[in-house]
Protein backbone atom coordinates (compact mmCIF):
# COMPACT_ATOMS: atom_id res chain seq x y z
CA MET A 1 128.58 21.60 -30.81
CA SER A 2 127.80 19.59 -27.62
CA THR A 3 128.72 20.94 -23.99
CA ARG A 4 130.49 18.54 -21.64
CA GLY A 5 128.77 17.50 -18.32
CA PRO A 6 130.35 17.37 -15.06
CA SER A 7 131.02 13.74 -15.37
CA SER A 8 133.74 14.14 -17.93
CA ILE A 9 135.41 16.67 -15.73
CA SER A 10 138.47 15.73 -13.79
CA GLY A 11 140.57 17.48 -11.27
CA SER A 12 139.21 19.44 -7.99
CA LEU A 13 136.38 21.92 -7.70
CA PRO A 14 136.95 25.38 -7.53
CA ALA A 15 136.82 27.04 -3.89
CA GLY A 16 133.56 27.31 -2.61
CA TRP A 17 131.90 24.40 -4.60
CA GLU A 18 131.13 21.02 -3.10
CA ARG A 19 130.04 17.78 -4.53
CA LYS A 20 127.17 15.84 -2.83
CA GLN A 21 124.67 13.00 -3.39
CA THR A 22 121.19 12.54 -3.13
CA SER A 23 119.89 9.57 -1.19
CA ASP A 24 119.38 7.83 -4.45
CA GLY A 25 123.00 8.43 -5.54
CA ARG A 26 122.44 11.37 -7.85
CA VAL A 27 125.21 13.78 -8.15
CA PHE A 28 124.70 17.44 -7.29
CA TYR A 29 127.00 20.48 -6.60
CA VAL A 30 126.69 23.14 -3.93
CA HIS A 31 128.08 26.62 -4.27
CA HIS A 32 128.58 27.95 -0.60
CA PRO A 33 129.32 31.59 -1.55
CA THR A 34 125.75 31.87 -3.01
CA LYS A 35 123.93 29.43 -0.92
CA SER A 36 122.77 27.53 -3.97
CA THR A 37 122.56 24.19 -5.43
CA HIS A 38 122.91 22.49 -9.08
CA TRP A 39 122.44 19.18 -10.73
CA ASP A 40 125.23 20.36 -13.33
CA LEU A 41 128.27 22.82 -12.94
CA PRO A 42 127.84 26.16 -14.74
CA LYS A 43 129.73 26.38 -17.98
CA ASP A 44 132.34 29.04 -16.59
CA VAL A 45 133.40 26.68 -13.44
CA ILE A 46 133.80 23.85 -16.08
CA ASP A 47 136.09 26.17 -18.37
CA GLN A 48 137.98 27.19 -14.88
CA MET A 49 138.51 23.34 -14.23
CA THR A 50 139.70 22.32 -17.73
CA ALA A 51 141.79 25.73 -18.28
CA PRO A 52 145.34 24.79 -19.24
CA THR A 53 148.05 25.68 -16.80
CA PRO A 54 149.45 29.06 -16.94
CA PRO A 55 153.08 29.49 -17.99
CA ALA A 56 155.56 30.49 -15.09
CA PRO A 57 155.78 34.26 -14.82
CA ALA A 58 158.80 36.13 -16.11
CA PRO A 59 161.56 37.05 -13.65
CA ALA A 60 160.70 40.09 -11.51
CA PRO A 61 162.47 43.22 -12.65
CA ALA A 62 165.13 44.93 -10.24
CA PRO A 63 163.44 46.25 -7.32
CA ALA A 64 163.00 50.05 -7.32
CA PRO A 65 165.04 52.37 -4.95
CA ALA A 66 163.45 52.47 -1.71
CA PRO A 67 160.94 55.55 -1.23
CA ALA A 68 161.54 58.40 1.33
CA PRO A 69 160.38 57.60 4.95
CA VAL A 70 156.76 58.87 5.21
CA ALA A 71 155.35 59.91 8.51
CA PRO A 72 152.97 57.31 9.92
CA ALA A 73 149.18 57.85 9.44
CA PRO A 74 146.95 59.21 12.35
CA HIS A 75 145.74 56.96 14.75
CA ASN A 76 142.40 55.49 14.32
CA PRO A 77 140.85 54.41 17.70
CA LEU A 78 138.27 52.36 15.96
CA LYS A 79 140.87 50.29 13.90
CA PRO A 80 144.31 49.97 15.29
CA PRO A 81 146.99 48.86 12.79
CA GLY A 82 147.14 45.11 12.24
CA ALA A 83 143.85 44.52 14.27
CA ALA A 84 140.75 42.92 13.48
CA PRO A 85 138.01 44.10 11.15
CA VAL A 86 136.01 47.13 12.43
CA VAL A 87 132.94 45.81 14.34
CA LEU A 88 130.08 48.07 15.49
CA LYS A 89 128.05 47.11 18.47
CA LYS A 90 124.27 48.16 18.26
CA ARG A 91 121.50 47.74 20.92
CA GLY A 92 118.34 47.10 18.89
CA LEU A 93 115.11 44.93 18.61
CA LEU A 94 116.88 41.66 19.25
CA GLY A 95 119.40 42.87 21.99
CA THR A 96 123.03 43.68 21.29
CA LYS A 97 123.88 43.53 17.54
CA LYS A 98 127.41 43.52 16.09
CA ILE A 99 127.53 44.85 12.48
CA LEU A 100 130.92 44.05 10.27
CA VAL A 101 131.80 47.27 8.49
CA LEU A 102 132.74 46.66 4.98
CA PRO A 103 132.83 48.60 1.92
CA LYS A 104 129.91 48.86 -0.56
CA GLY A 105 129.59 45.60 -2.83
CA TRP A 106 131.56 43.50 0.01
CA GLU A 107 130.04 40.52 1.84
CA ALA A 108 131.17 38.40 4.62
CA LYS A 109 130.90 34.58 4.35
CA ARG A 110 131.98 31.38 6.12
CA THR A 111 133.34 28.21 4.70
CA PRO A 112 131.72 24.87 5.71
CA ASP A 113 134.28 24.45 8.38
CA GLY A 114 133.46 27.69 9.96
CA LYS A 115 136.39 29.81 8.59
CA PRO A 116 135.38 33.30 7.53
CA TYR A 117 136.19 34.92 4.24
CA TYR A 118 135.26 37.86 2.05
CA ILE A 119 133.74 38.15 -1.39
CA ASP A 120 134.14 41.48 -3.18
CA HIS A 121 131.08 41.42 -5.67
CA ASN A 122 132.78 44.34 -7.59
CA THR A 123 135.55 42.50 -8.99
CA LYS A 124 133.81 38.95 -8.32
CA THR A 125 136.84 38.03 -6.22
CA THR A 126 137.30 36.28 -2.93
CA HIS A 127 139.65 37.17 0.07
CA TRP A 128 140.51 35.75 3.20
CA ASN A 129 141.07 39.01 4.98
CA PRO A 130 138.79 42.07 4.77
CA PRO A 131 139.71 45.18 2.88
CA GLU A 132 141.37 48.35 4.64
CA LEU A 133 138.97 50.70 5.56
CA THR A 134 139.27 54.67 5.45
CA GLN A 135 138.35 56.94 8.38
CA GLU A 136 135.55 58.55 5.94
CA GLN A 137 134.14 54.86 5.53
CA ILE A 138 134.12 54.28 9.11
CA ASN A 139 132.50 57.58 10.04
CA ALA A 140 130.06 56.88 7.48
CA ALA A 141 129.02 53.53 9.14
CA ILE A 142 128.69 55.04 12.59
CA SER A 143 126.62 57.77 11.13
CA LYS A 144 124.47 55.11 9.47
CA VAL A 145 124.00 52.92 12.39
CA ALA A 146 121.65 54.28 15.07
CA GLY A 147 122.02 53.51 18.77
CA PRO A 148 124.81 53.36 21.26
CA GLN A 149 128.34 54.53 20.34
CA PRO A 150 129.91 51.53 18.69
CA ILE A 151 133.29 49.89 19.75
CA TYR A 152 136.04 48.11 18.29
CA SER A 153 136.04 44.42 18.90
CA GLY A 154 139.60 43.92 18.43
CA GLY A 155 142.24 44.30 20.87
CA GLY A 156 142.90 47.96 20.31
CA PRO A 157 141.66 50.97 22.30
CA ALA A 158 137.91 51.68 21.94
CA SER A 159 136.02 54.67 22.15
CA SER A 160 134.28 55.63 25.41
CA PRO A 161 130.80 54.34 25.31
CA ALA A 162 127.80 57.08 25.16
CA THR A 163 125.31 57.19 27.66
CA THR A 164 122.34 54.73 26.77
CA PRO A 165 119.04 56.33 25.93
CA ALA A 166 116.09 55.87 28.14
CA THR A 167 114.11 53.06 27.24
CA THR A 168 110.22 52.81 27.08
CA THR A 169 108.58 49.21 27.96
CA ALA A 170 105.77 48.37 26.09
CA THR A 171 102.79 46.64 27.26
CA PRO A 172 102.59 42.73 26.53
CA PRO A 173 100.45 42.19 23.78
CA GLN A 174 97.26 40.03 24.26
CA ARG A 175 96.49 36.64 22.34
CA PRO A 176 95.80 37.57 18.63
CA ALA A 177 91.93 36.55 17.66
CA GLY A 178 91.80 33.62 15.58
CA TYR A 179 91.05 33.76 11.80
CA SER A 180 90.27 31.63 8.91
CA ARG A 181 91.70 32.02 5.36
CA SER A 182 90.39 30.94 2.10
CA SER A 183 91.54 30.93 -1.59
CA THR A 184 90.40 30.45 -4.98
CA THR A 185 91.47 26.92 -5.20
CA GLY A 186 90.30 25.46 -1.88
CA SER A 187 89.67 26.11 1.90
CA MET A 188 91.52 26.36 4.85
CA LEU A 189 89.69 25.38 7.89
CA GLY A 190 91.05 25.74 11.59
CA SER A 191 91.72 28.32 14.36
CA SER A 192 94.84 30.22 14.63
CA GLY A 193 97.85 29.11 16.96
CA SER A 194 98.33 30.64 20.23
CA LEU A 195 101.00 33.02 21.03
CA PRO A 196 102.56 33.41 24.53
CA ALA A 197 102.54 37.13 25.75
CA ALA A 198 106.23 38.43 25.92
CA THR A 199 108.07 41.28 27.44
CA PRO A 200 110.08 43.44 24.95
CA PRO A 201 113.96 42.63 24.62
CA VAL A 202 116.25 44.19 27.01
CA GLY A 203 117.37 47.40 25.58
CA TRP A 204 114.35 47.76 23.24
CA GLN A 205 113.91 51.49 22.61
CA ARG A 206 110.76 53.28 20.91
CA SER A 207 113.14 55.01 18.33
CA ASN A 208 113.70 51.51 16.69
CA TYR A 209 109.98 52.05 15.04
CA SER A 210 109.79 55.96 15.11
CA SER A 211 111.99 59.17 15.80
CA PRO A 212 111.83 60.52 19.46
CA ASP A 213 109.67 63.48 18.38
CA GLN A 214 107.02 61.06 16.88
CA SER A 215 107.06 58.34 19.57
CA ASN A 216 104.33 59.93 21.69
CA GLN A 217 102.18 60.66 18.53
CA LEU A 218 101.66 56.77 17.51
CA SER A 219 98.19 55.88 17.45
CA HIS A 220 96.71 52.88 19.66
CA SER A 221 96.62 50.52 16.56
CA GLN A 222 100.16 51.59 15.48
CA ASP A 223 101.39 50.83 18.74
CA LYS A 224 99.26 47.33 18.94
CA GLU A 225 101.14 46.43 15.67
CA LYS A 226 104.52 46.97 17.19
CA GLU A 227 103.82 44.94 20.36
CA ASP A 228 102.53 42.00 18.08
CA LEU A 229 105.77 42.40 16.09
CA ASP A 230 107.86 42.45 19.15
CA ALA A 231 106.06 39.16 20.49
CA ALA A 232 106.39 37.32 17.46
CA TRP A 233 110.18 38.01 17.43
CA ASN A 234 110.73 37.24 20.81
CA SER A 235 109.09 34.02 20.48
CA MET A 236 111.61 33.18 17.74
CA LEU A 237 114.37 34.64 19.62
CA GLY A 238 117.80 32.66 19.16
CA SER A 239 117.02 30.97 15.83
CA SER A 240 115.88 33.88 13.83
CA THR A 241 118.76 35.89 14.38
CA ARG A 242 121.28 33.69 12.32
CA VAL A 243 119.22 34.56 9.20
CA MET A 244 118.95 38.35 9.19
CA LEU A 245 120.32 40.06 6.17
CA CYS A 246 121.48 43.41 5.32
CA GLY A 247 121.80 45.14 1.79
CA VAL A 248 118.47 44.07 0.13
CA GLU A 249 117.01 46.20 -2.53
CA VAL A 250 113.24 45.99 -3.34
CA ASP A 251 111.56 47.23 -6.61
CA GLU A 252 108.27 48.45 -5.03
CA SER A 253 106.75 48.68 -8.58
CA LYS A 254 107.28 44.86 -9.66
CA ILE A 255 104.65 43.39 -7.13
CA VAL A 256 104.61 39.52 -8.80
CA GLY A 257 102.43 37.81 -6.41
CA GLU A 258 99.68 39.08 -3.70
CA GLY A 259 97.72 37.25 -1.03
CA ALA A 260 95.47 38.22 1.92
CA PHE A 261 98.56 38.45 4.22
CA GLY A 262 101.32 39.27 2.00
CA GLU A 263 102.69 40.20 -1.35
CA VAL A 264 105.80 38.86 -3.28
CA LEU A 265 108.07 41.71 -5.07
CA LYS A 266 111.03 41.45 -7.12
CA GLY A 267 114.06 42.88 -5.53
CA THR A 268 118.07 42.08 -5.34
CA TYR A 269 120.64 40.90 -2.95
CA CYS A 270 124.18 40.82 -3.72
CA GLY A 271 123.38 41.85 -7.25
CA GLN A 272 121.15 38.83 -7.72
CA ASP A 273 117.53 38.57 -8.55
CA MET A 274 115.62 37.59 -5.59
CA ALA A 275 111.90 37.10 -4.77
CA ILE A 276 110.84 39.06 -1.51
CA LYS A 277 108.02 38.08 0.22
CA ARG A 278 106.70 41.03 2.68
CA LEU A 279 103.80 40.93 4.99
CA LYS A 280 100.79 43.09 4.36
CA VAL A 281 99.12 42.45 7.67
CA VAL A 282 101.11 42.76 10.92
CA ASN A 283 100.04 40.93 13.83
CA ALA A 284 101.91 38.37 16.07
CA GLU A 285 100.45 35.26 14.30
CA VAL A 286 101.12 36.29 10.70
CA VAL A 287 104.67 37.19 11.72
CA GLN A 288 105.37 34.13 13.50
CA GLU A 289 104.21 31.95 10.56
CA LEU A 290 106.76 34.09 8.33
CA ILE A 291 109.41 33.26 10.72
CA ARG A 292 108.62 29.80 11.14
CA GLU A 293 108.49 29.18 7.35
CA ALA A 294 112.19 30.95 7.32
CA MET A 295 113.22 28.32 10.01
CA ALA A 296 111.92 25.57 7.99
CA MET A 297 113.52 26.67 4.55
CA SER A 298 116.88 27.61 6.28
CA GLU A 299 117.44 23.94 7.37
CA ILE A 300 116.58 22.04 3.84
CA ARG A 301 119.18 22.46 1.11
CA HIS A 302 117.99 20.78 -1.97
CA PRO A 303 118.23 21.44 -5.76
CA ASN A 304 114.33 21.08 -5.77
CA VAL A 305 113.46 23.27 -2.86
CA VAL A 306 113.58 26.95 -3.38
CA THR A 307 116.64 28.57 -1.85
CA PHE A 308 116.30 30.64 1.11
CA TYR A 309 118.65 33.46 1.76
CA GLY A 310 117.32 34.95 4.97
CA LEU A 311 114.94 37.46 6.53
CA TRP A 312 115.22 41.34 6.13
CA LYS A 313 113.71 44.32 7.74
CA ASP A 314 113.16 47.54 6.25
CA GLU A 315 113.42 51.07 7.90
CA ARG A 316 109.50 50.65 8.50
CA SER A 317 110.38 47.34 10.56
CA ARG A 318 108.09 45.66 7.99
CA LEU A 319 109.58 41.81 7.60
CA HIS A 320 110.58 40.29 4.42
CA LEU A 321 111.50 36.66 3.67
CA VAL A 322 114.16 36.63 0.78
CA THR A 323 114.53 33.48 -1.63
CA GLU A 324 115.87 32.83 -4.94
CA TRP A 325 113.94 34.34 -7.98
CA MET A 326 112.17 31.62 -10.19
CA ASP A 327 111.49 33.34 -13.52
CA HIS A 328 108.70 30.97 -14.71
CA GLY A 329 106.52 31.63 -11.88
CA SER A 330 104.11 29.13 -10.17
CA LEU A 331 103.38 25.78 -11.56
CA LEU A 332 99.74 26.28 -11.28
CA SER A 333 99.60 29.29 -13.48
CA PHE A 334 101.91 27.33 -15.83
CA LEU A 335 99.19 24.74 -16.01
CA GLU A 336 96.37 27.10 -16.38
CA ASN A 337 98.37 28.80 -19.63
CA GLU A 338 98.71 25.44 -20.94
CA ALA A 339 94.80 24.66 -20.54
CA ASP A 340 94.07 27.80 -22.13
CA ARG A 341 96.43 26.98 -25.05
CA SER A 342 94.55 23.64 -25.21
CA MET A 343 90.95 24.87 -25.41
CA ASN A 344 91.98 27.32 -28.01
CA ASN A 345 93.66 24.44 -30.05
CA GLU A 346 97.04 26.03 -29.61
CA PRO A 347 100.21 23.81 -29.19
CA LEU A 348 101.16 23.14 -25.68
CA GLU A 349 104.59 24.33 -24.56
CA SER A 350 105.05 20.96 -22.65
CA THR A 351 105.05 17.34 -23.29
CA ILE A 352 104.02 14.51 -21.26
CA LYS A 353 107.75 14.12 -20.41
CA ASP A 354 107.86 17.69 -19.22
CA LEU A 355 104.98 17.05 -16.78
CA LEU A 356 106.69 13.67 -15.53
CA LEU A 357 109.81 15.66 -14.83
CA ILE A 358 107.97 18.16 -12.93
CA CYS A 359 106.38 15.63 -10.75
CA LEU A 360 109.85 14.15 -10.31
CA ASP A 361 111.28 17.00 -9.31
CA VAL A 362 108.72 17.52 -6.34
CA ALA A 363 109.10 13.88 -5.41
CA ARG A 364 112.69 14.54 -4.86
CA ALA A 365 112.05 17.49 -2.79
CA MET A 366 109.88 15.62 -0.62
CA GLN A 367 111.98 12.56 -0.51
CA ARG A 368 114.40 15.04 1.50
CA LEU A 369 111.82 16.34 3.61
CA GLU A 370 110.75 12.77 4.47
CA GLU A 371 114.32 12.08 5.46
CA LEU A 372 114.47 15.03 7.83
CA LYS A 373 111.10 14.49 9.23
CA VAL A 374 109.82 17.58 8.11
CA PHE A 375 106.29 17.63 7.03
CA HIS A 376 105.22 20.33 4.30
CA CYS A 377 101.38 20.14 5.19
CA ASP A 378 100.52 22.26 2.11
CA LEU A 379 101.78 20.50 -0.74
CA ALA A 380 100.05 21.56 -3.98
CA ALA A 381 100.66 22.95 -7.44
CA ARG A 382 100.39 26.70 -6.09
CA ASN A 383 103.49 26.08 -3.77
CA VAL A 384 105.57 24.95 -6.57
CA LEU A 385 107.53 27.29 -8.33
CA LEU A 386 109.49 26.74 -12.06
CA THR A 387 112.66 27.98 -13.43
CA LYS A 388 114.13 27.19 -16.85
CA THR A 389 117.80 25.57 -17.18
CA ASN A 390 117.94 23.03 -20.23
CA ARG A 391 114.16 22.18 -18.98
CA LEU A 392 111.72 23.28 -16.89
CA LEU A 393 112.81 22.79 -13.27
CA ALA A 394 110.38 22.52 -10.49
CA LYS A 395 111.04 23.58 -6.89
CA VAL A 396 109.02 23.35 -3.61
CA THR A 397 108.25 26.37 -1.58
CA ASP A 398 105.87 28.08 0.83
CA PHE A 399 106.80 26.20 4.05
CA GLY A 400 104.30 28.43 6.05
CA LEU A 401 102.31 25.63 7.50
CA THR A 402 105.31 23.10 7.83
CA GLN A 403 105.32 20.86 10.77
CA VAL A 404 108.50 19.13 12.34
CA GLY A 405 108.04 15.67 13.56
CA SER A 406 110.71 16.04 16.64
CA GLY A 407 112.13 12.57 15.81
CA GLY A 408 108.81 10.75 14.98
CA ALA A 409 106.86 9.70 12.42
CA TYR A 410 103.80 11.97 12.91
CA VAL A 411 102.69 15.15 14.94
CA TYR A 412 99.27 16.40 16.14
CA ASN A 413 98.30 20.04 15.75
CA GLU A 414 94.78 20.95 16.65
CA GLN A 415 95.20 24.64 15.78
CA ALA A 416 96.93 23.87 12.12
CA LYS A 417 94.91 25.35 9.26
CA ILE A 418 94.03 22.61 6.80
CA PRO A 419 93.87 22.96 2.96
CA ILE A 420 90.82 20.22 2.61
CA PHE A 421 91.12 19.72 -1.16
CA TRP A 422 94.80 18.26 -0.57
CA SER A 423 94.49 16.73 2.72
CA ALA A 424 94.62 13.17 3.83
CA PRO A 425 91.71 11.56 5.79
CA GLU A 426 93.75 11.53 9.37
CA VAL A 427 94.33 15.18 8.95
CA LEU A 428 90.80 16.12 8.32
CA THR A 429 89.67 13.91 11.11
CA ARG A 430 92.41 14.38 13.95
CA ARG A 431 94.86 16.87 12.36
CA LYS A 432 97.72 14.20 12.31
CA PHE A 433 100.41 15.14 10.09
CA SER A 434 103.17 13.01 8.61
CA SER A 435 105.30 12.18 5.55
CA ALA A 436 102.31 9.95 4.60
CA ALA A 437 99.92 12.91 4.73
CA ASP A 438 102.27 14.92 2.32
CA VAL A 439 102.30 11.41 0.01
CA TRP A 440 98.44 12.04 -0.23
CA SER A 441 98.67 15.60 -1.33
CA PHE A 442 101.49 14.74 -3.74
CA GLY A 443 98.89 12.51 -5.35
CA VAL A 444 96.25 15.36 -5.76
CA LEU A 445 99.35 17.39 -6.91
CA CYS A 446 99.95 14.81 -9.70
CA TRP A 447 96.02 15.17 -10.46
CA GLU A 448 96.56 18.87 -11.00
CA VAL A 449 99.42 18.49 -13.30
CA PHE A 450 97.93 15.91 -15.74
CA THR A 451 94.41 17.99 -15.80
CA LEU A 452 96.51 20.91 -16.51
CA GLY A 453 95.52 22.80 -13.19
CA MET A 454 92.01 22.00 -12.46
CA VAL A 455 90.60 22.40 -9.15
CA PRO A 456 90.31 18.93 -7.34
CA TYR A 457 86.77 17.56 -6.77
CA HIS A 458 85.50 20.65 -8.52
CA GLY A 459 81.37 20.41 -9.04
CA VAL A 460 81.41 16.69 -7.58
CA PHE A 461 80.34 17.67 -4.19
CA PRO A 462 77.72 20.04 -3.02
CA ASN A 463 79.67 21.42 -0.08
CA ASN A 464 83.12 21.07 1.72
CA ALA A 465 81.43 18.87 4.39
CA ALA A 466 80.13 16.47 1.81
CA LEU A 467 83.93 16.25 0.41
CA LYS A 468 85.37 15.57 3.69
CA GLN A 469 83.24 12.80 4.30
CA ALA A 470 83.86 11.16 1.14
CA VAL A 471 87.67 11.40 1.63
CA ILE A 472 87.48 10.26 5.28
CA LYS A 473 85.38 6.97 4.28
CA GLY A 474 87.14 6.17 0.84
CA THR A 475 84.19 6.59 -1.16
CA TYR A 476 85.40 8.77 -3.71
CA ILE A 477 88.67 8.85 -5.46
CA LEU A 478 90.01 11.21 -8.13
CA ASP A 479 89.70 9.80 -11.69
CA GLN A 480 92.53 9.34 -14.11
CA PRO A 481 93.01 12.43 -16.27
CA ASP A 482 93.23 12.04 -19.99
CA LEU A 483 97.04 13.16 -19.83
CA CYS A 484 98.08 11.03 -17.26
CA PRO A 485 100.11 7.69 -18.21
CA ASN A 486 98.65 4.42 -16.65
CA GLU A 487 101.69 3.63 -14.42
CA VAL A 488 101.56 6.95 -13.14
CA TYR A 489 97.67 6.69 -11.84
CA GLU A 490 98.59 3.49 -10.36
CA LEU A 491 101.23 5.37 -8.19
CA MET A 492 98.54 7.76 -7.59
CA LEU A 493 96.25 5.12 -6.48
CA GLN A 494 98.89 4.01 -3.95
CA CYS A 495 99.14 7.83 -2.68
CA PHE A 496 95.25 7.54 -1.86
CA ARG A 497 95.07 4.81 0.39
CA LEU A 498 93.15 5.21 3.65
CA ALA A 499 95.65 3.90 5.89
CA PRO A 500 98.84 5.94 6.21
CA ASN A 501 101.14 3.10 6.73
CA THR A 502 100.18 1.40 3.68
CA ARG A 503 100.87 4.13 1.19
CA ILE A 504 103.90 4.48 -0.76
CA THR A 505 106.92 6.67 0.29
CA PHE A 506 108.56 9.55 -1.13
CA SER A 507 111.69 7.18 -1.29
CA GLN A 508 109.74 4.70 -3.40
CA LEU A 509 108.05 7.44 -5.37
CA ALA A 510 111.11 9.20 -6.79
CA PRO A 511 112.77 6.09 -8.42
CA ALA A 512 109.43 4.79 -9.64
CA LEU A 513 108.75 8.08 -11.51
CA GLN A 514 112.38 8.27 -12.83
CA ALA A 515 112.05 4.74 -14.51
CA ILE A 516 108.50 5.82 -15.95
CA THR A 517 110.31 9.14 -17.14
CA GLN A 518 113.10 7.51 -19.08
CA LYS A 519 110.57 5.47 -21.11
CA TYR A 520 109.61 8.86 -22.85
CA ASN A 521 111.64 10.70 -25.41
């Protein structure tokens, strides 16, 4: 039995859903409560839209006799009757922070026009007003939140503020030492970006990191790590505060990926599986890179970009980046597994059309970045993740090296790290980043896809210096893979043109790849 698509559904969308279009006219759907995007509406939403109108309710029974008068409940100084929700105020690392008190399983959200509403994940219902709180729930929230006495933000009386504990001023950190990074699939060249020294935020307390009894026993290296973390937070102050999460749960036993500076674990947020990236190295530069990645991802919403939910800090002040869970892992791992099957004469899981669709998904994501004048600067198969819907769906991730054009067509960054196997000539010579440079990287990614994960230029040049000179001068171009259709390789050659302004654009690549894909059954 076939399933009806969204195009056959009439009527308005349920609350929280919104219909949008990409620049090439393709319809997709945004679910604001979960901050997720979909090419097609889920079946339960379609069923809800097509369900018949329920019959009119039966007449209400006669009202019961009025109950005997009951004495009013004791006055709650934190939540006067009929007042606004309970809000606690805490002075912490980022200054004064307001914390909305909700029962377990509840979450506060806002509609696209800014109106607040609330989700009860226990019953999967939405509400315009928050639930009533008992005194025990309020007391539990107060005991859980460390810091000054919380006060009610509504119009009722508030508790008298407690005396603010004495603060300890930390020494501003020194500029972190530069570093270079390498991986098994290519080299990263360049020095680290400098971070200006910053004083701690007003109200910063040593107890944010340790108990008062332990504060004088911290080693020098621990103090330095804390100061570096403070400096990174201050450098991003004003933008990072709007993506901080609470209630994230991490499964420490499920490490699904690991690198030199961080690891990816599986966890949950609001009952959904999440991928949680955690730093292993705590210094100002690495923390700032993670926060910059979060800021870039928070501005990009597209069905082919991994959904970013927010940042989260655990009880040890370790910073985590929370994104949607992609159940099929990285594109590079998938391609390498396909290569192993091919070598063992086993049937492949993917067809040429599947590989074309992966390239098309990436092109659509990059088309959106091109429209926003956001430059990925590290586009490669290792930075694309896969999930299974009705087909393998690819989504771009890892925005740690992202640059923003600030209204221009390109940006120079002499301190940026460079993945040289995927970099355009102007990036190798002048560190000039642009959408055209991302187009070059996309051509290399397509080569990875149709070679089933081979390393670009592997065994061709004796060292990286010789490779760079060949790319800069245009004396070597990646050859056509055996699985690559001729029309796709012609597009790749247009990605590899030396002059950036002569390369094909993502707004041209996406429809061209779609037309090629439609020729395959």
